[in-house]
Amino acid sequence: MTQDSVVDYSIIIPVYCNQGTLKNTYEKLSDEVVSRHTTKSYEIIFIDDGSYDSSFEELLEIRSLDPENVKLIKFTRNFGQVAAIMAGYNHARGKCIVNISADLQDPPALINQMLNHFFNEHKDIVVCYRESRDEGFVRTMTSKIFYRIMKKLSFSNMPLGGFDFVLISSNVKDVILHSQEANPFWQGQILWSGYDIKFIPYKRLKREFGESKWTFGKKLKYLIDGVMAYSYFPLRAMSVAGLVVSLLGFLYALIIFLARIFGSVPIQGWAPLMIIVLVLSGIQMLMLGVIGEYLWRTLDQVRKRQAYVIDKIIE
C-alpha cells in the first residue's frame, strides 16, 4: 500500500445472504457517518461471503451509486464471517478500520464516537460491546454463556455481552494479519494485541430482515477455537482429571486389598466392574477428543491452506 492510497478510515461489512437490508445499511452509513466527516477520506468494503441470494446484485447497485468509495469482494463460496473480516483487513487502506454487520443490528451512528476516539484520543482499539440485545431468549442466553466462558478461561477483559462492532488502527490490523492463524478467534486477537482499548456499551437492535446464519454449531466451533488458542484449561483439566482418577484408583485398590486381608470383599459382581470400566473409558475418550482437537488445529495450521478464495474484486 503506498502512502497516496491511504484513506482516513475504512468500513468493512461482511455479507452473507443479506438481501433487502444492504441498501439501507449503505444509506445509513452515508447519512449518519460519511456526511458528518466531510474532511476525511473513506472507503466502504463489502465482502460477499458466498451468498446464495441476490445480495451481490444489490451490492452492484450500491457500487453504481458511489464507485469512487465502494469496493466489492466476492468469495467463491461461504468461508465464514471471520474469513470475510480478514479479507476486508487485507484490502483496507484506512488509517483505521471499522467492522460493522450488514443487518443494521449495530447502530451506524456509533461510528462517529469510534472515529472521535481514534483521531482525537489516539485509541488504537474502540470496542462497542453489547450491553443488552433485542433478541430472543435462547440467542441471548447462549451468547451470555459463550462470552462468560471466554472471560473466565481466556480473556479477563472480554465484555460479557461480546462484540463484533469494533474499530482498530492499522497497527492492530498488521498484528492480526501477521499472525496468520488457521482458525482465528478474531475478538481474541484484538484483545490479545495489548493496545489500549476504549469500550462503548450499546443495545444491539432487533434484526429487521432475514434470519441470522450464525448457527449454534458455528458458535460452538468458534468457542472451541477461542479456548484452544488462548487457554491451557483443557490440557490442565486433563492432567487434573488423570491425577484425581489415579488417586481414587489407588485408594480403591488399597480398600480392596485390606478387605481381602480381613476376609471380606465389600462389593462383588458384574455391575460394579462395568460401572468402573465405563466411567474410565468415558474419561479416556473425552481426553482423546481434547487431544484430537489440538492435533486437528495443528494440522490445519501447518498445511497453510488459504483461509478464503476470492472470485472477483470490483474497485
Protein backbone atom coordinates (compact mmCIF):
# COMPACT_ATOMS: atom_id res chain seq x y z
CA MET A 1 0.00 0.00 0.00
CA THR A 2 1.50 3.35 -1.00
CA GLN A 3 1.08 6.45 1.12
CA ASP A 4 -1.01 8.07 -1.63
CA SER A 5 -3.52 5.24 -1.46
CA VAL A 6 -4.18 5.60 2.28
CA VAL A 7 -7.60 6.87 3.35
CA ASP A 8 -8.64 8.14 6.76
CA TYR A 9 -10.99 5.29 7.58
CA SER A 10 -12.26 2.07 6.06
CA ILE A 11 -15.59 0.43 6.85
CA ILE A 12 -15.73 -3.30 6.15
CA ILE A 13 -19.02 -5.18 6.01
CA PRO A 14 -19.20 -8.98 5.74
CA VAL A 15 -22.25 -10.05 3.74
CA TYR A 16 -23.91 -13.45 3.77
CA CYS A 17 -27.45 -13.62 2.41
CA ASN A 18 -28.40 -10.10 3.49
CA GLN A 19 -30.56 -9.09 0.55
CA GLY A 20 -33.12 -6.45 1.40
CA THR A 21 -31.03 -4.67 4.01
CA LEU A 22 -27.80 -3.78 2.20
CA LYS A 23 -29.02 -0.60 0.55
CA ASN A 24 -30.44 0.59 3.86
CA THR A 25 -27.10 -0.13 5.52
CA TYR A 26 -25.22 1.87 2.90
CA GLU A 27 -27.65 4.79 3.10
CA LYS A 28 -27.44 4.93 6.89
CA LEU A 29 -23.65 4.90 6.74
CA SER A 30 -23.74 7.71 4.20
CA ASP A 31 -26.25 9.82 6.13
CA GLU A 32 -25.09 9.18 9.69
CA VAL A 33 -21.32 8.81 9.26
CA VAL A 34 -19.85 9.92 5.94
CA SER A 35 -21.83 13.19 5.77
CA ARG A 36 -20.54 14.18 9.23
CA HIS A 37 -16.87 13.73 8.30
CA THR A 38 -16.65 15.58 5.00
CA THR A 39 -12.97 16.44 5.52
CA LYS A 40 -11.96 12.81 5.87
CA SER A 41 -11.44 10.31 3.07
CA TYR A 42 -13.05 6.89 3.35
CA GLU A 43 -13.86 3.62 1.68
CA ILE A 44 -16.61 1.06 2.24
CA ILE A 45 -15.70 -2.55 1.52
CA PHE A 46 -18.44 -5.17 1.19
CA ILE A 47 -17.28 -8.80 1.31
CA ASP A 48 -19.81 -11.24 -0.19
CA ASP A 49 -19.16 -14.47 1.70
CA GLY A 50 -20.69 -16.83 -0.85
CA SER A 51 -24.28 -15.57 -0.62
CA TYR A 52 -26.83 -17.70 -2.44
CA ASP A 53 -29.50 -14.98 -2.63
CA SER A 54 -29.46 -11.66 -4.53
CA SER A 55 -27.04 -9.94 -2.16
CA PHE A 56 -24.29 -9.46 -4.75
CA GLU A 57 -26.68 -7.96 -7.29
CA GLU A 58 -27.79 -5.49 -4.61
CA LEU A 59 -24.14 -4.71 -3.88
CA LEU A 60 -23.53 -3.95 -7.55
CA GLU A 61 -26.39 -1.45 -7.43
CA ILE A 62 -24.86 0.18 -4.36
CA ARG A 63 -21.48 0.47 -6.02
CA SER A 64 -23.02 2.17 -9.04
CA LEU A 65 -24.15 4.94 -6.65
CA ASP A 66 -20.65 5.56 -5.30
CA PRO A 67 -18.00 3.85 -7.46
CA GLU A 68 -15.20 6.03 -6.07
CA ASN A 69 -15.56 4.84 -2.49
CA VAL A 70 -17.29 1.44 -2.58
CA LYS A 71 -15.27 -1.73 -3.14
CA LEU A 72 -16.75 -5.22 -3.58
CA ILE A 73 -15.04 -8.52 -2.81
CA LYS A 74 -16.77 -11.77 -3.76
CA PHE A 75 -15.77 -15.18 -2.41
CA THR A 76 -16.14 -18.35 -4.45
CA ARG A 77 -18.18 -19.90 -1.61
CA ASN A 78 -19.06 -19.39 2.04
CA PHE A 79 -15.86 -19.32 4.11
CA GLY A 80 -17.30 -17.75 7.26
CA GLN A 81 -17.61 -14.35 8.86
CA VAL A 82 -14.07 -14.24 10.24
CA ALA A 83 -12.58 -15.08 6.83
CA ALA A 84 -14.62 -12.23 5.34
CA ILE A 85 -13.31 -9.85 8.01
CA MET A 86 -9.72 -10.93 7.30
CA ALA A 87 -10.23 -10.34 3.59
CA GLY A 88 -11.52 -6.88 4.42
CA TYR A 89 -8.45 -6.20 6.56
CA ASN A 90 -6.17 -7.37 3.76
CA HIS A 91 -7.70 -4.91 1.30
CA ALA A 92 -8.44 -2.00 3.64
CA ARG A 93 -6.41 1.19 3.08
CA GLY A 94 -7.63 3.11 6.12
CA LYS A 95 -5.61 4.54 8.96
CA CYS A 96 -8.31 2.85 10.99
CA ILE A 97 -10.78 0.12 10.08
CA VAL A 98 -14.32 -0.27 11.36
CA ASN A 99 -16.11 -3.60 11.20
CA ILE A 100 -19.92 -3.50 11.22
CA SER A 101 -22.59 -6.09 10.48
CA ALA A 102 -24.74 -5.81 7.35
CA ASP A 103 -28.08 -6.33 9.09
CA LEU A 104 -28.32 -2.94 10.90
CA GLN A 105 -28.35 -4.56 14.34
CA ASP A 106 -25.35 -2.37 15.11
CA PRO A 107 -26.26 1.37 15.04
CA PRO A 108 -24.04 3.06 12.41
CA ALA A 109 -24.15 6.40 14.29
CA LEU A 110 -21.81 4.90 16.90
CA ILE A 111 -19.03 5.00 14.31
CA ASN A 112 -18.83 8.76 14.88
CA GLN A 113 -17.82 8.17 18.50
CA MET A 114 -15.38 5.49 17.42
CA LEU A 115 -13.70 7.82 14.92
CA ASN A 116 -13.53 10.55 17.54
CA HIS A 117 -11.75 8.26 19.99
CA PHE A 118 -9.28 7.25 17.27
CA PHE A 119 -8.46 10.61 15.72
CA ASN A 120 -8.73 12.83 18.81
CA GLU A 121 -7.81 10.49 21.67
CA HIS A 122 -5.49 8.22 19.65
CA LYS A 123 -7.11 4.98 20.77
CA ASP A 124 -5.89 2.04 18.70
CA ILE A 125 -8.92 -0.09 19.56
CA VAL A 126 -12.50 1.03 20.14
CA VAL A 127 -14.88 -1.79 21.06
CA CYS A 128 -18.65 -1.34 21.01
CA TYR A 129 -19.92 -4.13 23.24
CA ARG A 130 -23.50 -5.33 23.67
CA GLU A 131 -24.81 -4.13 27.00
CA SER A 132 -28.20 -5.61 26.07
CA ARG A 133 -29.85 -7.02 22.97
CA ASP A 134 -33.32 -7.02 21.44
CA GLU A 135 -33.25 -10.71 20.55
CA GLY A 136 -34.87 -13.99 21.61
CA PHE A 137 -34.24 -15.66 24.95
CA VAL A 138 -32.29 -18.63 23.55
CA ARG A 139 -29.94 -16.50 21.43
CA THR A 140 -29.40 -14.08 24.31
CA MET A 141 -28.63 -16.84 26.82
CA THR A 142 -26.29 -18.79 24.53
CA SER A 143 -24.38 -15.58 23.81
CA LYS A 144 -24.05 -14.82 27.52
CA ILE A 145 -22.79 -18.33 28.24
CA PHE A 146 -20.35 -18.13 25.31
CA TYR A 147 -18.72 -14.89 26.40
CA ARG A 148 -18.80 -15.74 30.12
CA ILE A 149 -16.75 -18.87 29.33
CA MET A 150 -14.33 -16.82 27.23
CA LYS A 151 -13.96 -14.24 30.01
CA LYS A 152 -13.33 -16.94 32.59
CA LEU A 153 -10.91 -19.08 30.60
CA SER A 154 -9.14 -16.81 28.11
CA PHE A 155 -9.65 -13.05 28.38
CA SER A 156 -10.38 -11.24 31.63
CA ASN A 157 -11.17 -8.05 29.66
CA MET A 158 -13.75 -9.73 27.40
CA PRO A 159 -17.07 -7.83 27.69
CA LEU A 160 -19.81 -10.17 28.91
CA GLY A 161 -22.08 -9.06 26.09
CA GLY A 162 -19.45 -9.80 23.48
CA PHE A 163 -18.60 -7.68 20.47
CA ASP A 164 -18.05 -7.69 16.73
CA PHE A 165 -18.63 -3.95 16.13
CA VAL A 166 -15.13 -2.58 16.53
CA LEU A 167 -12.57 -0.08 15.27
CA ILE A 168 -8.90 -0.96 15.06
CA SER A 169 -5.90 1.04 13.90
CA SER A 170 -3.71 -0.06 11.02
CA ASN A 171 -1.12 -1.12 13.62
CA VAL A 172 -3.55 -3.57 15.20
CA LYS A 173 -4.60 -4.76 11.76
CA ASP A 174 -0.98 -5.58 10.91
CA VAL A 175 -0.60 -7.57 14.14
CA ILE A 176 -3.71 -9.63 13.34
CA LEU A 177 -2.76 -10.30 9.73
CA HIS A 178 0.82 -11.18 10.64
CA SER A 179 -0.32 -13.99 12.96
CA GLN A 180 -1.83 -15.97 10.05
CA GLU A 181 -3.81 -18.30 12.32
CA ALA A 182 -5.68 -21.10 10.55
CA ASN A 183 -8.64 -20.99 12.96
CA PRO A 184 -8.52 -17.45 14.34
CA PHE A 185 -10.59 -16.26 17.28
CA TRP A 186 -10.84 -12.74 15.92
CA GLN A 187 -12.05 -10.94 19.05
CA GLY A 188 -9.30 -12.68 21.00
CA GLN A 189 -6.65 -11.46 18.57
CA ILE A 190 -7.81 -7.89 19.15
CA LEU A 191 -7.80 -8.19 22.95
CA TRP A 192 -4.50 -10.11 22.94
CA SER A 193 -2.66 -7.38 20.98
CA GLY A 194 -2.21 -5.32 24.16
CA TYR A 195 -3.13 -1.94 22.68
CA ASP A 196 -5.17 0.49 24.74
CA ILE A 197 -8.90 -0.18 24.38
CA LYS A 198 -11.87 2.16 24.67
CA PHE A 199 -15.14 0.34 25.46
CA ILE A 200 -18.53 1.75 24.40
CA PRO A 201 -21.74 -0.01 25.55
CA TYR A 202 -24.78 -0.16 23.28
CA LYS A 203 -28.02 -2.06 22.79
CA ARG A 204 -27.98 -4.49 19.90
CA LEU A 205 -31.08 -3.86 17.81
CA LYS A 206 -33.63 -6.33 16.55
CA ARG A 207 -32.96 -7.87 13.16
CA GLU A 208 -35.45 -6.41 10.67
CA PHE A 209 -34.69 -8.57 7.63
CA GLY A 210 -33.99 -12.27 7.24
CA GLU A 211 -32.59 -14.68 9.81
CA SER A 212 -29.17 -14.96 11.35
CA LYS A 213 -26.88 -17.57 9.77
CA TRP A 214 -24.77 -17.69 12.94
CA THR A 215 -25.94 -21.15 13.99
CA PHE A 216 -25.32 -22.96 17.28
CA GLY A 217 -22.83 -25.26 15.55
CA LYS A 218 -20.79 -22.29 14.30
CA LYS A 219 -20.89 -20.71 17.76
CA LEU A 220 -19.67 -23.93 19.37
CA LYS A 221 -16.80 -24.29 16.91
CA TYR A 222 -15.84 -20.65 17.44
CA LEU A 223 -15.94 -21.11 21.22
CA ILE A 224 -13.61 -24.12 20.96
CA ASP A 225 -11.28 -22.07 18.72
CA GLY A 226 -11.09 -19.35 21.36
CA VAL A 227 -10.48 -21.71 24.26
CA MET A 228 -7.94 -23.87 22.42
CA ALA A 229 -5.98 -20.89 21.09
CA TYR A 230 -5.80 -18.76 24.23
CA SER A 231 -6.23 -21.05 27.24
CA TYR A 232 -4.37 -24.04 28.71
CA PHE A 233 -7.51 -25.05 30.60
CA PRO A 234 -8.35 -28.18 28.51
CA LEU A 235 -4.87 -29.64 28.97
CA ARG A 236 -4.72 -28.73 32.64
CA ALA A 237 -8.19 -30.19 33.18
CA MET A 238 -6.98 -33.43 31.58
CA SER A 239 -3.95 -33.51 33.89
CA VAL A 240 -6.04 -32.84 36.99
CA ALA A 241 -8.66 -35.40 35.97
CA GLY A 242 -5.96 -38.01 35.37
CA LEU A 243 -4.39 -37.29 38.74
CA VAL A 244 -7.73 -37.48 40.58
CA VAL A 245 -8.75 -40.72 38.84
CA SER A 246 -5.34 -42.25 39.59
CA LEU A 247 -5.55 -41.33 43.28
CA LEU A 248 -9.07 -42.71 43.52
CA GLY A 249 -7.91 -45.89 41.79
CA PHE A 250 -5.03 -46.39 44.21
CA LEU A 251 -7.30 -45.65 47.17
CA TYR A 252 -9.90 -48.13 45.96
CA ALA A 253 -7.20 -50.75 45.36
CA LEU A 254 -5.98 -50.24 48.92
CA ILE A 255 -9.52 -50.69 50.25
CA ILE A 256 -9.95 -53.94 48.29
CA PHE A 257 -6.54 -55.19 49.46
CA LEU A 258 -7.29 -54.51 53.11
CA ALA A 259 -10.78 -56.01 52.78
CA ARG A 260 -9.27 -59.16 51.28
CA ILE A 261 -6.81 -59.47 54.15
CA PHE A 262 -9.61 -59.24 56.70
CA GLY A 263 -11.68 -61.80 54.84
CA SER A 264 -14.40 -59.81 53.09
CA VAL A 265 -14.72 -58.07 49.71
CA PRO A 266 -17.19 -55.17 50.08
CA ILE A 267 -18.58 -55.19 46.51
CA GLN A 268 -18.95 -58.20 44.25
CA GLY A 269 -20.43 -58.92 40.87
CA TRP A 270 -20.56 -57.79 37.23
CA ALA A 271 -22.35 -54.42 37.72
CA PRO A 272 -19.67 -52.54 39.74
CA LEU A 273 -16.95 -53.74 37.38
CA MET A 274 -18.87 -52.48 34.35
CA ILE A 275 -19.52 -49.13 36.05
CA ILE A 276 -15.80 -48.66 36.65
CA VAL A 277 -14.89 -49.72 33.08
CA LEU A 278 -17.49 -47.41 31.50
CA VAL A 279 -16.54 -44.41 33.65
CA LEU A 280 -12.82 -44.80 32.99
CA SER A 281 -13.40 -45.44 29.29
CA GLY A 282 -15.58 -42.32 29.07
CA ILE A 283 -12.88 -40.19 30.69
CA GLN A 284 -10.24 -41.60 28.34
CA MET A 285 -12.37 -40.95 25.25
CA LEU A 286 -13.03 -37.40 26.41
CA MET A 287 -9.31 -36.81 26.84
CA LEU A 288 -8.59 -38.29 23.41
CA GLY A 289 -11.19 -35.92 21.97
CA VAL A 290 -9.42 -32.92 23.50
CA ILE A 291 -6.08 -34.13 22.14
CA GLY A 292 -7.75 -34.63 18.75
CA GLU A 293 -8.96 -31.03 18.74
CA TYR A 294 -5.40 -29.82 19.29
CA LEU A 295 -3.99 -32.18 16.65
CA TRP A 296 -6.59 -31.10 14.08
CA ARG A 297 -5.80 -27.44 14.66
CA THR A 298 -2.07 -28.13 14.44
CA LEU A 299 -2.58 -29.92 11.12
CA ASP A 300 -4.75 -27.06 9.86
CA GLN A 301 -2.02 -24.58 10.78
CA VAL A 302 0.99 -26.36 9.28
CA ARG A 303 -0.59 -27.14 5.92
CA LYS A 304 -1.15 -23.38 5.40
CA ARG A 305 -4.33 -23.68 3.38
CA GLN A 306 -5.83 -20.39 2.21
CA ALA A 307 -8.44 -19.00 4.58
CA TYR A 308 -10.62 -17.94 1.64
CA VAL A 309 -10.69 -17.81 -2.15
CA ILE A 310 -11.67 -14.59 -3.90
CA ASP A 311 -13.76 -14.89 -7.06
CA LYS A 312 -13.60 -11.23 -8.03
CA ILE A 313 -12.77 -7.78 -6.74
CA ILE A 314 -14.62 -4.76 -8.08
CA GLU A 315 -12.98 -1.43 -7.27
